[in-house]
Amino acid sequence: MPEISVQHQCAALTDLVDCESFGAPIGDLPKQTDSSFYGEGNLTAGTWECAPGKLQLDLNITEFCHLLKGHWILTSESGQVTEIKAGDSWVFPKGWKGTAEVVDTVRKVYLIVS
């Protein structure tokens, strides 16, 4: 029988490790860390953090996110600007393209469906 997977106190985690970039850097590559705690089939869940910087995204996944800290400005390829601040939740739909500017270091919890 499957059991519940838990990642306690995501906002206070200290065991995040360096990870591959979530997107292509525009300018200097911002430091990115991750602590994945669940993976099965096409699902992955965890906590991700990124220092200030700008990334170009071209997503081939769907991702639910909840921002624990920081400030992000997402600008779609069509020009729609979405500001995300601590406490906000959103979904990156599969096929989303645009830029992600980290204004203040962000930390999010995520569930990826690939």
Protein backbone atom coordinates (compact mmCIF):
# COMPACT_ATOMS: atom_id res chain seq x y z
CA MET A 1 0.00 0.00 0.00
CA PRO A 2 1.42 3.45 -0.88
CA GLU A 3 2.40 5.70 2.01
CA ILE A 4 2.39 9.48 2.38
CA SER A 5 5.63 11.30 1.51
CA VAL A 6 6.34 14.40 3.60
CA GLN A 7 8.90 17.18 3.44
CA HIS A 8 8.58 19.02 6.75
CA GLN A 9 9.18 22.76 7.19
CA CYS A 10 10.07 23.51 3.55
CA ALA A 11 10.68 27.20 4.28
CA ALA A 12 13.38 26.31 6.81
CA LEU A 13 15.16 23.48 4.95
CA THR A 14 18.94 23.63 5.05
CA ASP A 15 19.70 20.49 3.00
CA LEU A 16 19.07 21.90 -0.49
CA VAL A 17 21.82 20.92 -2.95
CA ASP A 18 23.08 22.52 -6.16
CA CYS A 19 21.00 21.49 -9.17
CA GLU A 20 20.78 21.97 -12.91
CA SER A 21 19.34 25.27 -14.05
CA PHE A 22 15.55 25.49 -14.36
CA GLY A 23 16.09 27.50 -17.56
CA ALA A 24 18.73 29.06 -19.76
CA PRO A 25 20.41 32.00 -18.00
CA ILE A 26 20.13 35.50 -19.40
CA GLY A 27 23.39 36.95 -18.11
CA ASP A 28 25.09 35.29 -15.15
CA LEU A 29 23.67 31.93 -14.04
CA PRO A 30 21.84 32.41 -10.73
CA LYS A 31 22.61 29.85 -8.01
CA GLN A 32 19.85 27.21 -7.85
CA THR A 33 19.36 24.53 -5.22
CA ASP A 34 16.80 21.76 -4.73
CA SER A 35 15.59 19.17 -2.27
CA SER A 36 13.37 16.69 -4.08
CA PHE A 37 11.47 14.36 -1.79
CA TYR A 38 9.09 12.47 -4.07
CA GLY A 39 9.37 10.89 -7.45
CA GLU A 40 7.18 8.25 -9.03
CA GLY A 41 6.35 7.77 -12.68
CA ASN A 42 5.78 11.20 -14.21
CA LEU A 43 5.51 13.05 -10.85
CA THR A 44 8.26 14.85 -8.94
CA ALA A 45 7.85 17.02 -5.82
CA GLY A 46 10.25 19.06 -3.76
CA THR A 47 11.55 22.47 -2.75
CA TRP A 48 13.63 24.69 -5.06
CA GLU A 49 15.46 27.94 -4.42
CA CYS A 50 17.00 30.47 -6.83
CA ALA A 51 19.14 33.54 -6.25
CA PRO A 52 18.38 36.78 -8.12
CA GLY A 53 18.88 36.61 -11.87
CA LYS A 54 16.99 36.01 -15.08
CA LEU A 55 16.15 32.75 -16.86
CA GLN A 56 14.65 31.95 -20.26
CA LEU A 57 12.04 29.19 -19.91
CA ASP A 58 10.62 26.81 -22.51
CA LEU A 59 8.69 24.25 -20.45
CA ASN A 60 7.80 20.75 -21.59
CA ILE A 61 6.20 19.92 -18.23
CA THR A 62 3.23 21.13 -16.17
CA GLU A 63 4.23 22.42 -12.74
CA PHE A 64 2.19 23.51 -9.72
CA CYS A 65 4.15 25.90 -7.48
CA HIS A 66 3.69 27.68 -4.16
CA LEU A 67 6.14 30.49 -3.36
CA LEU A 68 7.43 30.39 0.22
CA LYS A 69 9.67 33.45 -0.05
CA GLY A 70 10.89 36.01 -2.53
CA HIS A 71 9.63 37.92 -5.54
CA TRP A 72 9.46 36.72 -9.14
CA ILE A 73 8.38 38.44 -12.34
CA LEU A 74 7.27 36.04 -15.08
CA THR A 75 6.85 37.43 -18.60
CA SER A 76 5.31 35.13 -21.20
CA GLU A 77 6.42 35.04 -24.81
CA SER A 78 3.18 36.91 -25.66
CA GLY A 79 4.08 39.71 -23.21
CA GLN A 80 1.78 38.89 -20.26
CA VAL A 81 3.53 39.91 -17.02
CA THR A 82 2.74 37.97 -13.82
CA GLU A 83 4.25 39.01 -10.49
CA ILE A 84 4.60 36.27 -7.90
CA LYS A 85 5.30 37.01 -4.24
CA ALA A 86 5.59 34.88 -1.10
CA GLY A 87 2.30 33.15 -0.36
CA ASP A 88 1.20 32.94 -4.03
CA SER A 89 0.44 29.70 -5.89
CA TRP A 90 0.39 29.22 -9.68
CA VAL A 91 0.69 26.68 -12.47
CA PHE A 92 3.24 26.72 -15.27
CA PRO A 93 1.27 25.06 -18.10
CA LYS A 94 3.08 22.66 -20.41
CA GLY A 95 4.42 24.65 -23.36
CA TRP A 96 4.81 27.94 -21.43
CA LYS A 97 7.63 30.09 -22.82
CA GLY A 98 9.01 33.31 -21.44
CA THR A 99 11.39 34.86 -18.94
CA ALA A 100 11.56 34.42 -15.18
CA GLU A 101 13.25 37.29 -13.35
CA VAL A 102 14.11 36.55 -9.73
CA VAL A 103 13.99 39.96 -8.02
CA ASP A 104 14.52 38.65 -4.45
CA THR A 105 15.74 35.08 -3.79
CA VAL A 106 12.79 32.72 -4.30
CA ARG A 107 11.96 29.44 -2.62
CA LYS A 108 9.08 27.38 -3.94
CA VAL A 109 7.54 24.01 -3.33
CA TYR A 110 6.58 22.25 -6.54
CA LEU A 111 4.84 19.29 -8.12
CA ILE A 112 5.97 18.53 -11.65
CA VAL A 113 3.95 16.42 -14.07
CA SER A 114 6.17 15.39 -16.99
